[in-house]
C-alpha atoms as a PDB file:
ATOM      1  CA  UNK A   1      -5.287  -0.392  -9.120  1.00  0.00           C
ATOM      2  CA  UNK A   2      -5.795   2.868  -7.280  1.00  0.00           C
ATOM      3  CA  UNK A   3      -3.784   6.002  -7.995  1.00  0.00           C
ATOM      4  CA  UNK A   4      -1.505   5.592  -4.970  1.00  0.00           C
ATOM      5  CA  UNK A   5      -0.614   2.039  -5.933  1.00  0.00           C
ATOM      6  CA  UNK A   6      -0.015   2.967  -9.521  1.00  0.00           C
ATOM      7  CA  UNK A   7       2.236   5.883  -8.615  1.00  0.00           C
ATOM      8  CA  UNK A   8       4.207   3.684  -6.204  1.00  0.00           C
ATOM      9  CA  UNK A   9       4.560   0.978  -8.843  1.00  0.00           C
ATOM     10  CA  UNK A  10       5.999   3.465 -11.343  1.00  0.00           C
ATOM     11  CA  UNK A  11       8.026   5.754  -9.098  1.00  0.00           C
ATOM     12  CA  UNK A  12       9.664   3.304  -6.706  1.00  0.00           C
ATOM     13  CA  UNK A  13      12.133   1.655  -9.094  1.00  0.00           C
ATOM     14  CA  UNK A  14      12.962   5.022 -10.652  1.00  0.00           C
ATOM     15  CA  UNK A  15      13.453   7.023  -7.465  1.00  0.00           C
ATOM     16  CA  UNK A  16      15.142   4.298  -5.363  1.00  0.00           C
ATOM     17  CA  UNK A  17      17.329   2.391  -7.827  1.00  0.00           C
ATOM     18  CA  UNK A  18      19.630   0.983  -5.155  1.00  0.00           C
ATOM     19  CA  UNK A  19      21.171  -1.478  -7.599  1.00  0.00           C
ATOM     20  CA  UNK A  20      22.712   1.383  -9.570  1.00  0.00           C
ATOM     21  CA  UNK A  21      24.323   3.137  -6.629  1.00  0.00           C
ATOM     22  CA  UNK A  22      28.007   3.052  -5.735  1.00  0.00           C
ATOM     23  CA  UNK A  23      28.022   4.937  -2.430  1.00  0.00           C
ATOM     24  CA  UNK A  24      27.304   2.413   0.321  1.00  0.00           C
ATOM     25  CA  UNK A  25      25.514   4.946   2.558  1.00  0.00           C
ATOM     26  CA  UNK A  26      23.247   6.233  -0.236  1.00  0.00           C
ATOM     27  CA  UNK A  27      22.642   2.650  -1.378  1.00  0.00           C
ATOM     28  CA  UNK A  28      21.521   1.645   2.111  1.00  0.00           C
ATOM     29  CA  UNK A  29      19.108   4.581   2.242  1.00  0.00           C
ATOM     30  CA  UNK A  30      17.705   3.630  -1.165  1.00  0.00           C
ATOM     31  CA  UNK A  31      17.235   0.004  -0.095  1.00  0.00           C
ATOM     32  CA  UNK A  32      15.406   1.196   3.013  1.00  0.00           C
ATOM     33  CA  UNK A  33      13.132   3.584   1.086  1.00  0.00           C
ATOM     34  CA  UNK A  34      12.542   0.995  -1.657  1.00  0.00           C
ATOM     35  CA  UNK A  35      11.470  -1.526   0.942  1.00  0.00           C
ATOM     36  CA  UNK A  36       9.093   0.985   2.567  1.00  0.00           C
ATOM     37  CA  UNK A  37       7.493   1.767  -0.768  1.00  0.00           C
ATOM     38  CA  UNK A  38       7.082  -1.937  -1.580  1.00  0.00           C
ATOM     39  CA  UNK A  39       5.293  -2.326   1.781  1.00  0.00           C
ATOM     40  CA  UNK A  40       2.981   0.599   0.953  1.00  0.00           C
ATOM     41  CA  UNK A  41       2.327  -0.974  -2.452  1.00  0.00           C
ATOM     42  CA  UNK A  42       1.405  -4.261  -0.808  1.00  0.00           C
ATOM     43  CA  UNK A  43      -1.000  -2.433   1.488  1.00  0.00           C
ATOM     44  CA  UNK A  44      -2.570  -0.647  -1.462  1.00  0.00           C
ATOM     45  CA  UNK A  45      -3.008  -3.990  -3.238  1.00  0.00           C
ATOM     46  CA  UNK A  46      -4.577  -5.601  -0.145  1.00  0.00           C
ATOM     47  CA  UNK A  47      -7.196  -2.860  -0.042  1.00  0.00           C
ATOM     48  CA  UNK A  48      -8.264  -3.908  -3.526  1.00  0.00           C
ATOM     49  CA  UNK A  49      -9.009  -7.506  -2.501  1.00  0.00           C
ATOM     50  CA  UNK A  50     -10.936  -6.704   0.715  1.00  0.00           C
ATOM     51  CA  UNK A  51     -14.672  -7.195   0.248  1.00  0.00           C
ATOM     52  CA  UNK A  52     -16.798  -4.073   0.431  1.00  0.00           C
ATOM     53  CA  UNK A  53     -18.000  -3.034   2.897  1.00  0.00           C
ATOM     54  CA  UNK A  54     -15.169  -4.256   5.086  1.00  0.00           C
ATOM     55  CA  UNK A  55     -16.690  -5.886   8.220  1.00  0.00           C
ATOM     56  CA  UNK A  56     -14.859  -3.529  10.590  1.00  0.00           C
ATOM     57  CA  UNK A  57     -15.508  -0.331   8.612  1.00  0.00           C
ATOM     58  CA  UNK A  58     -18.101   2.195   9.641  1.00  0.00           C
ATOM     59  CA  UNK A  59     -20.291   1.127   6.741  1.00  0.00           C
ATOM     60  CA  UNK A  60     -19.958  -2.522   7.778  1.00  0.00           C
ATOM     61  CA  UNK A  61     -20.951  -1.750  11.367  1.00  0.00           C
ATOM     62  CA  UNK A  62     -23.973   0.284  10.257  1.00  0.00           C
ATOM     63  CA  UNK A  63     -25.055  -2.519   7.923  1.00  0.00           C
ATOM     64  CA  UNK A  64     -24.778  -5.083  10.735  1.00  0.00           C
ATOM     65  CA  UNK A  65     -26.740  -2.914  13.166  1.00  0.00           C
ATOM     66  CA  UNK A  66     -29.523  -2.374  10.644  1.00  0.00           C
ATOM     67  CA  UNK A  67     -29.803  -6.111   9.981  1.00  0.00           C
ATOM     68  CA  UNK A  68     -29.917  -6.920  13.721  1.00  0.00           C
ATOM     69  CA  UNK A  69     -32.676  -4.367  14.485  1.00  0.00           C
ATOM     70  CA  UNK A  70     -35.055  -5.846  11.898  1.00  0.00           C
END
């Protein structure tokens, strides 16, 4: 996993432990931020499973253009 994903995996439950909060307002903020970080973690994990070069990346377009010209 990349560094961003690893840091999110470790830091999210520590920084946004909404289950341990007693103040409803602070708990709601922690739930919101926890959910955002989980979404970012999912995005980081999806990048790992995309084939390289990604078809819509600059590298993918250059590769396709080179193969068409030949």
